[in-house]
Amino acid sequence: MATMKIADSRIKPTFELEAAELQLGMAPVAGVDEAGRGPWAGPVVAAAVILDPARIPDNIDDSKAMDEDGRAFLYNRIMKVADVGVGIAELDRIDRDNILGATLWAMGEAVAALKSKPRLVLIDGNKAPRISIETRTIVKGDAKCLSIAAASIIAKVTRDRIMIALAREYPGYGFERHKGYGTPEHQAAIARLGVCALHRRSFKPVQLALGLL
């Protein structure tokens, strides 16, 4: 019996929501997403993207659905044709404000870094930063909304590059591979080398490693 290859049936993000808002006079519309809420080490990075409806790069998708090369290619394309802002919350803010507070702060910084002030900001998830612009949260927005998907790519590539650079300063932990996530390799490195300055002291696995729990 012949095996039929089934194409990827996952729904891809579209520009439909943004297009509807633009028709209602809400231009420009920005999409916002973050990368790095879950890792045990490193900053959390947020990105805001305003796509030009006339120059949207092909094949934008949720960054989690793409490989590293695909993300890097689209990162370059998006940076060339879109208005992009980035916000980075460092370790001290994460440990002081908790990861959600730091993430929302980084999102606000990303929006503030845009060249144009948006009329509407579409945010991945169910929590919005406190900003003086109308916001709308969209759960799994990076899989539904093209502007948020573009922001997910910018945030992910930016953070990955930060972690690769930091791996040179903190060798032996494998940050260039796991990017600070709680992988077995990372766990073994902490057991072997101890906690370093990149680790989030407010995260339970790090507190366990430090003997604080």
N, C-alpha and C. Protein backbone atom coordinates (compact mmCIF):
# COMPACT_ATOMS: atom_id res chain seq x y z
N MET A 1 0.84 -1.19 0.00
CA MET A 1 0.00 0.00 0.00
C MET A 1 0.89 1.25 0.00
N ALA A 2 0.62 2.18 -0.91
CA ALA A 2 1.45 3.38 -1.03
C ALA A 2 1.20 4.30 0.15
N THR A 3 2.28 4.92 0.62
CA THR A 3 2.17 5.89 1.71
C THR A 3 2.10 7.28 1.12
N MET A 4 1.06 7.98 1.50
CA MET A 4 0.89 9.34 0.98
C MET A 4 1.49 10.33 1.97
N LYS A 5 2.30 11.23 1.44
CA LYS A 5 2.87 12.27 2.30
C LYS A 5 1.82 13.35 2.53
N ILE A 6 1.56 13.62 3.78
CA ILE A 6 0.58 14.66 4.11
C ILE A 6 1.33 15.96 4.39
N ALA A 7 0.94 17.01 3.71
CA ALA A 7 1.58 18.31 3.91
C ALA A 7 1.30 18.82 5.32
N ASP A 8 2.15 19.72 5.77
CA ASP A 8 1.98 20.33 7.09
C ASP A 8 0.61 21.00 7.16
N SER A 9 -0.27 20.43 7.98
CA SER A 9 -1.64 20.94 8.04
C SER A 9 -1.80 22.00 9.13
N ARG A 10 -0.71 22.27 9.84
CA ARG A 10 -0.77 23.29 10.89
C ARG A 10 -1.17 24.64 10.28
N ILE A 11 -2.05 25.34 10.97
CA ILE A 11 -2.46 26.66 10.48
C ILE A 11 -1.29 27.62 10.59
N LYS A 12 -0.98 28.31 9.51
CA LYS A 12 0.13 29.26 9.50
C LYS A 12 -0.39 30.65 9.87
N PRO A 13 0.48 31.48 10.47
CA PRO A 13 0.04 32.84 10.80
C PRO A 13 -0.28 33.64 9.54
N THR A 14 -1.25 34.54 9.65
CA THR A 14 -1.67 35.37 8.51
C THR A 14 -1.65 36.84 8.91
N PHE A 15 -1.88 37.70 7.92
CA PHE A 15 -1.93 39.15 8.13
C PHE A 15 -3.37 39.64 8.22
N GLU A 16 -4.31 38.70 8.37
CA GLU A 16 -5.73 39.06 8.33
C GLU A 16 -6.15 40.02 9.44
N LEU A 17 -5.71 39.74 10.65
CA LEU A 17 -6.09 40.59 11.78
C LEU A 17 -5.53 42.00 11.62
N GLU A 18 -4.26 42.09 11.25
CA GLU A 18 -3.66 43.40 11.04
C GLU A 18 -4.36 44.16 9.90
N ALA A 19 -4.65 43.45 8.82
CA ALA A 19 -5.31 44.08 7.67
C ALA A 19 -6.66 44.66 8.06
N ALA A 20 -7.42 43.93 8.87
CA ALA A 20 -8.72 44.42 9.33
C ALA A 20 -8.56 45.67 10.18
N GLU A 21 -7.58 45.68 11.06
CA GLU A 21 -7.34 46.85 11.92
C GLU A 21 -6.87 48.05 11.09
N LEU A 22 -6.05 47.79 10.10
CA LEU A 22 -5.57 48.88 9.24
C LEU A 22 -6.74 49.53 8.49
N GLN A 23 -7.69 48.70 8.06
CA GLN A 23 -8.88 49.22 7.37
C GLN A 23 -9.73 50.09 8.30
N LEU A 24 -9.64 49.81 9.59
CA LEU A 24 -10.40 50.58 10.58
C LEU A 24 -9.63 51.83 11.04
N GLY A 25 -8.49 52.08 10.40
CA GLY A 25 -7.73 53.28 10.71
C GLY A 25 -6.77 53.14 11.87
N MET A 26 -6.41 51.90 12.23
CA MET A 26 -5.54 51.68 13.38
C MET A 26 -4.06 51.57 13.01
N ALA A 27 -3.67 52.17 11.89
CA ALA A 27 -2.26 52.08 11.47
C ALA A 27 -1.39 53.02 12.30
N PRO A 28 -0.15 52.62 12.59
CA PRO A 28 0.40 51.28 12.34
C PRO A 28 0.07 50.29 13.47
N VAL A 29 0.10 49.01 13.11
CA VAL A 29 -0.13 47.92 14.06
C VAL A 29 1.19 47.19 14.30
N ALA A 30 1.53 46.99 15.57
CA ALA A 30 2.77 46.27 15.91
C ALA A 30 2.43 44.92 16.52
N GLY A 31 3.28 43.95 16.26
CA GLY A 31 3.21 42.65 16.93
C GLY A 31 4.36 42.53 17.91
N VAL A 32 4.11 41.92 19.07
CA VAL A 32 5.14 41.80 20.11
C VAL A 32 5.21 40.36 20.62
N ASP A 33 6.43 39.87 20.78
CA ASP A 33 6.65 38.54 21.37
C ASP A 33 7.97 38.57 22.13
N GLU A 34 8.19 37.50 22.90
CA GLU A 34 9.42 37.41 23.69
C GLU A 34 10.12 36.08 23.47
N ALA A 35 11.38 36.02 23.88
CA ALA A 35 12.14 34.77 23.89
C ALA A 35 12.91 34.71 25.20
N GLY A 36 12.88 33.55 25.83
CA GLY A 36 13.72 33.35 27.01
C GLY A 36 13.03 33.48 28.35
N ARG A 37 11.73 33.20 28.43
CA ARG A 37 11.08 33.22 29.75
C ARG A 37 11.47 31.99 30.56
N GLY A 38 11.67 30.85 29.89
CA GLY A 38 11.88 29.59 30.60
C GLY A 38 13.30 29.26 31.03
N PRO A 39 14.34 29.77 30.36
CA PRO A 39 15.71 29.35 30.71
C PRO A 39 16.11 29.66 32.15
N TRP A 40 17.12 28.96 32.60
CA TRP A 40 17.67 29.18 33.94
C TRP A 40 18.73 30.27 33.94
N ALA A 41 19.14 30.70 32.75
CA ALA A 41 20.24 31.66 32.66
C ALA A 41 20.01 32.63 31.51
N GLY A 42 20.63 33.80 31.63
CA GLY A 42 20.59 34.79 30.56
C GLY A 42 19.38 35.71 30.63
N PRO A 43 19.36 36.72 29.75
CA PRO A 43 18.28 37.71 29.76
C PRO A 43 17.02 37.18 29.10
N VAL A 44 15.92 37.93 29.25
CA VAL A 44 14.72 37.70 28.45
C VAL A 44 14.66 38.84 27.44
N VAL A 45 14.33 38.49 26.19
CA VAL A 45 14.36 39.46 25.09
C VAL A 45 12.96 39.57 24.48
N ALA A 46 12.50 40.80 24.28
CA ALA A 46 11.23 41.04 23.61
C ALA A 46 11.49 41.81 22.32
N ALA A 47 10.64 41.59 21.33
CA ALA A 47 10.74 42.33 20.07
C ALA A 47 9.37 42.83 19.67
N ALA A 48 9.35 44.00 19.03
CA ALA A 48 8.14 44.58 18.47
C ALA A 48 8.39 44.80 16.98
N VAL A 49 7.42 44.44 16.15
CA VAL A 49 7.59 44.54 14.70
C VAL A 49 6.35 45.17 14.07
N ILE A 50 6.57 46.20 13.25
CA ILE A 50 5.52 46.76 12.40
C ILE A 50 5.86 46.36 10.97
N LEU A 51 5.04 45.48 10.40
CA LEU A 51 5.27 45.04 9.02
C LEU A 51 4.68 46.04 8.04
N ASP A 52 5.39 46.25 6.94
CA ASP A 52 4.88 47.06 5.83
C ASP A 52 4.01 46.15 4.97
N PRO A 53 2.69 46.42 4.87
CA PRO A 53 1.81 45.51 4.12
C PRO A 53 2.25 45.29 2.67
N ALA A 54 2.98 46.23 2.12
CA ALA A 54 3.42 46.11 0.73
C ALA A 54 4.73 45.33 0.59
N ARG A 55 5.40 45.07 1.72
CA ARG A 55 6.72 44.42 1.65
C ARG A 55 6.87 43.38 2.77
N ILE A 56 5.92 42.47 2.85
CA ILE A 56 6.00 41.42 3.87
C ILE A 56 6.82 40.25 3.33
N PRO A 57 7.91 39.89 3.99
CA PRO A 57 8.71 38.75 3.52
C PRO A 57 7.89 37.45 3.50
N ASP A 58 8.18 36.60 2.53
CA ASP A 58 7.51 35.30 2.45
C ASP A 58 7.99 34.37 3.57
N ASN A 59 7.12 33.44 3.92
CA ASN A 59 7.45 32.32 4.82
C ASN A 59 7.68 32.71 6.27
N ILE A 60 7.18 33.87 6.70
CA ILE A 60 7.24 34.19 8.14
C ILE A 60 6.37 33.18 8.88
N ASP A 61 6.90 32.63 9.96
CA ASP A 61 6.19 31.63 10.75
C ASP A 61 6.57 31.78 12.20
N ASP A 62 5.85 31.10 13.07
CA ASP A 62 6.20 31.02 14.48
C ASP A 62 7.65 30.53 14.58
N SER A 63 8.48 31.24 15.33
CA SER A 63 9.91 30.90 15.38
C SER A 63 10.13 29.47 15.88
N LYS A 64 9.22 28.96 16.73
CA LYS A 64 9.38 27.60 17.26
C LYS A 64 9.18 26.54 16.18
N ALA A 65 8.53 26.92 15.07
CA ALA A 65 8.28 25.97 13.99
C ALA A 65 9.40 25.99 12.94
N MET A 66 10.44 26.80 13.17
CA MET A 66 11.50 26.97 12.17
C MET A 66 12.83 26.48 12.72
N ASP A 67 13.74 26.12 11.80
CA ASP A 67 15.08 25.77 12.25
C ASP A 67 15.95 27.03 12.32
N GLU A 68 17.16 26.87 12.83
CA GLU A 68 18.04 28.02 13.08
C GLU A 68 18.36 28.79 11.80
N ASP A 69 18.63 28.07 10.72
CA ASP A 69 18.95 28.74 9.45
C ASP A 69 17.75 29.52 8.91
N GLY A 70 16.57 28.93 9.01
CA GLY A 70 15.36 29.60 8.54
C GLY A 70 15.08 30.87 9.33
N ARG A 71 15.29 30.79 10.64
CA ARG A 71 15.10 31.99 11.48
C ARG A 71 16.09 33.08 11.12
N ALA A 72 17.36 32.69 10.91
CA ALA A 72 18.40 33.68 10.59
C ALA A 72 18.11 34.36 9.25
N PHE A 73 17.66 33.58 8.27
CA PHE A 73 17.34 34.14 6.96
C PHE A 73 16.20 35.17 7.08
N LEU A 74 15.13 34.78 7.80
CA LEU A 74 13.99 35.68 7.92
C LEU A 74 14.29 36.87 8.82
N TYR A 75 15.15 36.68 9.81
CA TYR A 75 15.59 37.80 10.65
C TYR A 75 16.15 38.91 9.77
N ASN A 76 17.04 38.55 8.85
CA ASN A 76 17.65 39.54 7.94
C ASN A 76 16.62 40.21 7.05
N ARG A 77 15.68 39.41 6.53
CA ARG A 77 14.64 39.96 5.65
C ARG A 77 13.74 40.94 6.40
N ILE A 78 13.33 40.54 7.61
CA ILE A 78 12.44 41.39 8.42
C ILE A 78 13.15 42.69 8.79
N MET A 79 14.41 42.60 9.20
CA MET A 79 15.16 43.79 9.60
C MET A 79 15.29 44.79 8.46
N LYS A 80 15.32 44.29 7.23
CA LYS A 80 15.48 45.18 6.07
C LYS A 80 14.21 45.96 5.74
N VAL A 81 13.04 45.35 5.95
CA VAL A 81 11.80 45.95 5.43
C VAL A 81 10.80 46.39 6.50
N ALA A 82 11.04 46.05 7.76
CA ALA A 82 10.06 46.35 8.81
C ALA A 82 10.64 47.34 9.82
N ASP A 83 9.76 47.92 10.61
CA ASP A 83 10.13 48.75 11.75
C ASP A 83 10.25 47.81 12.95
N VAL A 84 11.45 47.72 13.52
CA VAL A 84 11.73 46.73 14.56
C VAL A 84 12.27 47.40 15.81
N GLY A 85 11.74 47.01 16.97
CA GLY A 85 12.26 47.45 18.26
C GLY A 85 12.56 46.25 19.13
N VAL A 86 13.60 46.35 19.95
CA VAL A 86 14.00 45.25 20.84
C VAL A 86 14.15 45.77 22.26
N GLY A 87 13.68 44.98 23.23
CA GLY A 87 13.87 45.28 24.65
C GLY A 87 14.51 44.09 25.34
N ILE A 88 15.49 44.34 26.19
CA ILE A 88 16.23 43.26 26.86
C ILE A 88 16.18 43.47 28.37
N ALA A 89 15.62 42.51 29.09
CA ALA A 89 15.60 42.55 30.55
C ALA A 89 16.73 41.66 31.06
N GLU A 90 17.66 42.29 31.77
CA GLU A 90 18.83 41.57 32.26
C GLU A 90 18.51 40.82 33.56
N LEU A 91 19.51 40.08 34.04
CA LEU A 91 19.33 39.19 35.19
C LEU A 91 18.85 39.91 36.45
N ASP A 92 19.41 41.11 36.72
CA ASP A 92 19.03 41.79 37.95
C ASP A 92 17.54 42.13 37.96
N ARG A 93 17.01 42.50 36.80
CA ARG A 93 15.58 42.82 36.71
C ARG A 93 14.74 41.55 36.84
N ILE A 94 15.18 40.46 36.22
CA ILE A 94 14.45 39.19 36.32
C ILE A 94 14.36 38.74 37.78
N ASP A 95 15.49 38.81 38.48
CA ASP A 95 15.51 38.35 39.87
C ASP A 95 14.77 39.30 40.81
N ARG A 96 14.75 40.59 40.47
CA ARG A 96 14.06 41.57 41.31
C ARG A 96 12.54 41.58 41.07
N ASP A 97 12.14 41.58 39.80
CA ASP A 97 10.73 41.78 39.44
C ASP A 97 9.98 40.49 39.14
N ASN A 98 10.64 39.37 39.09
CA ASN A 98 10.20 38.05 38.63
C ASN A 98 10.14 38.03 37.10
N ILE A 99 10.08 36.84 36.54
CA ILE A 99 10.23 36.70 35.09
C ILE A 99 9.07 37.34 34.33
N LEU A 100 7.87 37.26 34.86
CA LEU A 100 6.74 37.89 34.16
C LEU A 100 6.90 39.41 34.15
N GLY A 101 7.21 39.99 35.30
CA GLY A 101 7.40 41.43 35.37
C GLY A 101 8.51 41.90 34.44
N ALA A 102 9.62 41.16 34.40
CA ALA A 102 10.75 41.52 33.52
C ALA A 102 10.36 41.40 32.05
N THR A 103 9.57 40.37 31.74
CA THR A 103 9.14 40.17 30.35
C THR A 103 8.24 41.31 29.89
N LEU A 104 7.29 41.70 30.72
CA LEU A 104 6.39 42.79 30.35
C LEU A 104 7.15 44.10 30.22
N TRP A 105 8.14 44.31 31.08
CA TRP A 105 8.98 45.52 30.97
C TRP A 105 9.73 45.52 29.63
N ALA A 106 10.31 44.37 29.26
CA ALA A 106 11.05 44.26 28.00
C ALA A 106 10.13 44.50 26.81
N MET A 107 8.88 44.04 26.90
CA MET A 107 7.92 44.28 25.82
C MET A 107 7.65 45.78 25.67
N GLY A 108 7.48 46.47 26.79
CA GLY A 108 7.28 47.92 26.74
C GLY A 108 8.47 48.63 26.13
N GLU A 109 9.68 48.18 26.47
CA GLU A 109 10.90 48.77 25.91
C GLU A 109 10.98 48.52 24.40
N ALA A 110 10.57 47.34 23.97
CA ALA A 110 10.60 47.01 22.54
C ALA A 110 9.67 47.93 21.75
N VAL A 111 8.47 48.16 22.28
CA VAL A 111 7.51 49.05 21.62
C VAL A 111 8.07 50.48 21.58
N ALA A 112 8.67 50.91 22.69
CA ALA A 112 9.23 52.27 22.75
C ALA A 112 10.39 52.45 21.77
N ALA A 113 11.06 51.35 21.41
CA ALA A 113 12.21 51.43 20.51
C ALA A 113 11.82 51.49 19.03
N LEU A 114 10.52 51.32 18.72
CA LEU A 114 10.07 51.42 17.33
C LEU A 114 10.24 52.85 16.84
N LYS A 115 10.51 53.01 15.53
CA LYS A 115 10.63 54.36 14.95
C LYS A 115 9.28 55.05 14.92
N SER A 116 8.21 54.30 14.61
CA SER A 116 6.85 54.85 14.56
C SER A 116 6.08 54.39 15.79
N LYS A 117 5.25 55.28 16.35
CA LYS A 117 4.42 54.89 17.48
C LYS A 117 3.19 54.16 16.96
N PRO A 118 2.98 52.90 17.37
CA PRO A 118 1.81 52.17 16.86
C PRO A 118 0.51 52.68 17.47
N ARG A 119 -0.59 52.47 16.73
CA ARG A 119 -1.92 52.77 17.26
C ARG A 119 -2.46 51.58 18.05
N LEU A 120 -1.99 50.38 17.66
CA LEU A 120 -2.44 49.15 18.30
C LEU A 120 -1.26 48.20 18.42
N VAL A 121 -1.16 47.54 19.57
CA VAL A 121 -0.09 46.56 19.80
C VAL A 121 -0.71 45.20 20.07
N LEU A 122 -0.37 44.22 19.25
CA LEU A 122 -0.85 42.85 19.40
C LEU A 122 0.24 42.06 20.13
N ILE A 123 -0.13 41.44 21.25
CA ILE A 123 0.87 40.81 22.11
C ILE A 123 0.60 39.33 22.26
N ASP A 124 1.67 38.54 22.10
CA ASP A 124 1.55 37.10 22.28
C ASP A 124 1.32 36.78 23.77
N GLY A 125 0.32 35.95 24.06
CA GLY A 125 0.07 35.54 25.44
C GLY A 125 -1.21 36.13 25.98
N ASN A 126 -1.31 36.18 27.30
CA ASN A 126 -2.54 36.69 27.93
C ASN A 126 -2.28 37.84 28.89
N LYS A 127 -1.06 38.40 28.88
CA LYS A 127 -0.73 39.54 29.72
C LYS A 127 -0.08 40.62 28.86
N ALA A 128 -0.47 41.87 29.11
CA ALA A 128 0.06 42.99 28.33
C ALA A 128 0.84 43.93 29.24
N PRO A 129 1.90 44.55 28.71
CA PRO A 129 2.61 45.56 29.49
C PRO A 129 1.74 46.81 29.67
N ARG A 130 2.05 47.58 30.68
CA ARG A 130 1.33 48.85 30.90
C ARG A 130 1.97 49.92 30.03
N ILE A 131 1.36 50.18 28.90
CA ILE A 131 1.86 51.22 28.00
C ILE A 131 0.69 52.10 27.58
N SER A 132 1.02 53.30 27.11
CA SER A 132 -0.02 54.28 26.78
C SER A 132 -0.53 54.10 25.35
N ILE A 133 -0.64 52.85 24.93
CA ILE A 133 -1.11 52.50 23.59
C ILE A 133 -2.12 51.38 23.75
N GLU A 134 -3.11 51.33 22.90
CA GLU A 134 -4.08 50.24 22.97
C GLU A 134 -3.39 48.91 22.72
N THR A 135 -3.66 47.93 23.56
CA THR A 135 -3.05 46.60 23.41
C THR A 135 -4.13 45.54 23.31
N ARG A 136 -3.76 44.45 22.67
CA ARG A 136 -4.65 43.29 22.60
C ARG A 136 -3.79 42.04 22.75
N THR A 137 -4.13 41.18 23.69
CA THR A 137 -3.37 39.94 23.88
C THR A 137 -4.00 38.83 23.05
N ILE A 138 -3.13 37.98 22.50
CA ILE A 138 -3.58 36.86 21.67
C ILE A 138 -2.83 35.61 22.11
N VAL A 139 -3.54 34.67 22.73
CA VAL A 139 -2.91 33.42 23.15
C VAL A 139 -2.47 32.65 21.90
N LYS A 140 -1.21 32.18 21.92
CA LYS A 140 -0.58 31.51 20.76
C LYS A 140 -0.61 32.44 19.54
N GLY A 141 -0.42 33.72 19.80
CA GLY A 141 -0.43 34.72 18.73
C GLY A 141 0.66 34.52 17.70
N ASP A 142 1.80 33.92 18.14
CA ASP A 142 2.90 33.71 17.19
C ASP A 142 2.54 32.67 16.13
N ALA A 143 1.51 31.86 16.39
CA ALA A 143 1.06 30.87 15.41
C ALA A 143 -0.13 31.37 14.60
N LYS A 144 -0.65 32.55 14.94
CA LYS A 144 -1.86 33.06 14.29
C LYS A 144 -1.65 34.37 13.54
N CYS A 145 -0.77 35.20 14.05
CA CYS A 145 -0.68 36.59 13.62
C CYS A 145 0.72 36.87 13.07
N LEU A 146 0.79 37.34 11.83
CA LEU A 146 2.07 37.48 11.14
C LEU A 146 3.01 38.46 11.84
N SER A 147 2.49 39.56 12.36
CA SER A 147 3.35 40.55 13.03
C SER A 147 3.96 39.97 14.31
N ILE A 148 3.16 39.18 15.05
CA ILE A 148 3.69 38.54 16.25
C ILE A 148 4.70 37.46 15.88
N ALA A 149 4.42 36.70 14.82
CA ALA A 149 5.37 35.67 14.36
C ALA A 149 6.70 36.32 13.98
N ALA A 150 6.63 37.46 13.29
CA ALA A 150 7.87 38.19 12.92
C ALA A 150 8.62 38.61 14.18
N ALA A 151 7.88 39.11 15.18
CA ALA A 151 8.51 39.51 16.43
C ALA A 151 9.14 38.31 17.14
N SER A 152 8.49 37.14 17.04
CA SER A 152 9.04 35.94 17.68
C SER A 152 10.39 35.56 17.06
N ILE A 153 10.52 35.76 15.76
CA ILE A 153 11.79 35.46 15.07
C ILE A 153 12.87 36.43 15.52
N ILE A 154 12.55 37.73 15.55
CA ILE A 154 13.53 38.73 15.97
C ILE A 154 13.99 38.48 17.40
N ALA A 155 13.03 38.22 18.30
CA ALA A 155 13.38 38.00 19.71
C ALA A 155 14.24 36.75 19.88
N LYS A 156 13.86 35.67 19.21
CA LYS A 156 14.59 34.39 19.34
C LYS A 156 16.01 34.50 18.80
N VAL A 157 16.17 35.06 17.60
CA VAL A 157 17.51 35.17 17.01
C VAL A 157 18.38 36.11 17.84
N THR A 158 17.80 37.23 18.29
CA THR A 158 18.56 38.17 19.11
C THR A 158 19.06 37.50 20.38
N ARG A 159 18.16 36.78 21.07
CA ARG A 159 18.56 36.15 22.32
C ARG A 159 19.57 35.02 22.10
N ASP A 160 19.36 34.22 21.07
CA ASP A 160 20.31 33.15 20.79
C ASP A 160 21.71 33.70 20.56
N ARG A 161 21.80 34.81 19.83
CA ARG A 161 23.11 35.41 19.55
C ARG A 161 23.75 35.97 20.81
N ILE A 162 22.93 36.52 21.71
CA ILE A 162 23.45 37.00 23.00
C ILE A 162 24.04 35.83 23.78
N MET A 163 23.31 34.70 23.82
CA MET A 163 23.77 33.54 24.59
C MET A 163 25.03 32.92 23.99
N ILE A 164 25.14 32.93 22.67
CA ILE A 164 26.35 32.41 22.01
C ILE A 164 27.55 33.28 22.37
N ALA A 165 27.34 34.61 22.39
CA ALA A 165 28.42 35.52 22.77
C ALA A 165 28.81 35.33 24.23
N LEU A 166 27.81 35.17 25.11
CA LEU A 166 28.09 34.99 26.54
C LEU A 166 28.78 33.66 26.83
N ALA A 167 28.56 32.67 25.95
CA ALA A 167 29.20 31.37 26.14
C ALA A 167 30.72 31.49 26.10
N ARG A 168 31.23 32.50 25.38
CA ARG A 168 32.69 32.70 25.32
C ARG A 168 33.22 33.22 26.66
N GLU A 169 32.37 34.00 27.35
CA GLU A 169 32.78 34.54 28.65
C GLU A 169 32.62 33.51 29.77
N TYR A 170 31.70 32.58 29.57
CA TYR A 170 31.42 31.55 30.59
C TYR A 170 31.52 30.17 29.94
N PRO A 171 32.75 29.74 29.60
CA PRO A 171 32.91 28.46 28.90
C PRO A 171 32.60 27.27 29.79
N GLY A 172 32.23 26.18 29.13
CA GLY A 172 32.03 24.92 29.86
C GLY A 172 30.58 24.61 30.16
N TYR A 173 29.71 25.62 30.11
CA TYR A 173 28.29 25.39 30.43
C TYR A 173 27.47 24.96 29.21
N GLY A 174 27.99 25.22 28.01
CA GLY A 174 27.25 24.84 26.80
C GLY A 174 26.17 25.83 26.42
N PHE A 175 26.30 27.09 26.89
CA PHE A 175 25.28 28.10 26.59
C PHE A 175 25.06 28.29 25.08
N GLU A 176 26.13 28.06 24.30
CA GLU A 176 25.99 28.23 22.85
C GLU A 176 25.07 27.18 22.24
N ARG A 177 24.85 26.08 22.96
CA ARG A 177 23.97 25.01 22.47
C ARG A 177 22.57 25.09 23.08
N HIS A 178 22.49 25.10 24.41
CA HIS A 178 21.16 25.04 25.05
C HIS A 178 20.57 26.42 25.34
N LYS A 179 21.37 27.48 25.18
CA LYS A 179 20.90 28.88 25.34
C LYS A 179 20.34 29.15 26.74
N GLY A 180 20.78 28.37 27.72
CA GLY A 180 20.37 28.61 29.10
C GLY A 180 19.18 27.79 29.56
N TYR A 181 18.56 27.04 28.65
CA TYR A 181 17.41 26.21 29.04
C TYR A 181 17.87 25.04 29.92
N GLY A 182 16.93 24.46 30.65
CA GLY A 182 17.26 23.44 31.63
C GLY A 182 17.43 22.05 31.05
N THR A 183 18.39 21.90 30.16
CA THR A 183 18.65 20.61 29.53
C THR A 183 19.51 19.73 30.44
N PRO A 184 19.57 18.42 30.17
CA PRO A 184 20.48 17.57 30.95
C PRO A 184 21.93 18.05 30.89
N GLU A 185 22.37 18.54 29.73
CA GLU A 185 23.73 19.07 29.59
C GLU A 185 23.95 20.26 30.53
N HIS A 186 22.98 21.13 30.58
CA HIS A 186 23.08 22.32 31.44
C HIS A 186 23.08 21.91 32.92
N GLN A 187 22.21 20.97 33.26
CA GLN A 187 22.13 20.48 34.64
C GLN A 187 23.47 19.87 35.07
N ALA A 188 24.06 19.08 34.17
CA ALA A 188 25.35 18.44 34.47
C ALA A 188 26.46 19.48 34.62
N ALA A 189 26.41 20.53 33.79
CA ALA A 189 27.42 21.59 33.86
C ALA A 189 27.35 22.33 35.19
N ILE A 190 26.13 22.59 35.67
CA ILE A 190 25.98 23.26 36.97
C ILE A 190 26.52 22.36 38.09
N ALA A 191 26.22 21.07 37.99
CA ALA A 191 26.72 20.13 39.00
C ALA A 191 28.25 20.09 39.01
N ARG A 192 28.84 20.24 37.82
CA ARG A 192 30.29 20.16 37.66
C ARG A 192 31.00 21.48 38.01
N LEU A 193 30.42 22.59 37.54
CA LEU A 193 31.10 23.89 37.62
C LEU A 193 30.50 24.83 38.66
N GLY A 194 29.29 24.51 39.12
CA GLY A 194 28.60 25.43 40.02
C GLY A 194 27.82 26.48 39.23
N VAL A 195 27.17 27.37 39.96
CA VAL A 195 26.37 28.43 39.36
C VAL A 195 27.27 29.59 38.97
N CYS A 196 27.00 30.22 37.81
CA CYS A 196 27.80 31.37 37.37
C CYS A 196 26.96 32.64 37.40
N ALA A 197 27.57 33.75 37.02
CA ALA A 197 26.90 35.06 37.08
C ALA A 197 25.72 35.17 36.13
N LEU A 198 25.62 34.27 35.15
CA LEU A 198 24.50 34.31 34.19
C LEU A 198 23.23 33.67 34.71
N HIS A 199 23.33 32.92 35.78
CA HIS A 199 22.19 32.15 36.26
C HIS A 199 21.19 33.02 37.04
N ARG A 200 19.91 32.72 36.85
CA ARG A 200 18.82 33.46 37.48
C ARG A 200 18.62 32.95 38.91
N ARG A 201 19.01 33.76 39.87
CA ARG A 201 18.94 33.35 41.29
C ARG A 201 17.51 33.13 41.77
N SER A 202 16.53 33.70 41.06
CA SER A 202 15.13 33.56 41.48
C SER A 202 14.49 32.28 40.96
N PHE A 203 15.22 31.51 40.16
CA PHE A 203 14.68 30.27 39.59
C PHE A 203 15.02 29.09 40.50
N LYS A 204 14.03 28.24 40.70
CA LYS A 204 14.16 27.14 41.67
C LYS A 204 15.36 26.22 41.40
N PRO A 205 15.61 25.76 40.15
CA PRO A 205 16.76 24.87 39.95
C PRO A 205 18.09 25.52 40.34
N VAL A 206 18.20 26.84 40.14
CA VAL A 206 19.42 27.56 40.51
C VAL A 206 19.51 27.66 42.04
N GLN A 207 18.39 27.93 42.70
CA GLN A 207 18.37 28.00 44.16
C GLN A 207 18.73 26.65 44.77
N LEU A 208 18.24 25.57 44.14
CA LEU A 208 18.60 24.23 44.61
C LEU A 208 20.10 23.99 44.48
N ALA A 209 20.67 24.42 43.36
CA ALA A 209 22.11 24.25 43.13
C ALA A 209 22.93 25.06 44.13
N LEU A 210 22.39 26.19 44.55
CA LEU A 210 23.08 27.04 45.52
C LEU A 210 22.82 26.60 46.97
N GLY A 211 21.97 25.59 47.13
CA GLY A 211 21.64 25.12 48.47
C GLY A 211 20.75 26.06 49.25
N LEU A 212 19.98 26.88 48.51
CA LEU A 212 19.10 27.86 49.17
C LEU A 212 17.74 27.27 49.52
N LEU A 213 17.42 26.09 49.00
CA LEU A 213 16.12 25.47 49.28
C LEU A 213 16.33 24.20 50.09
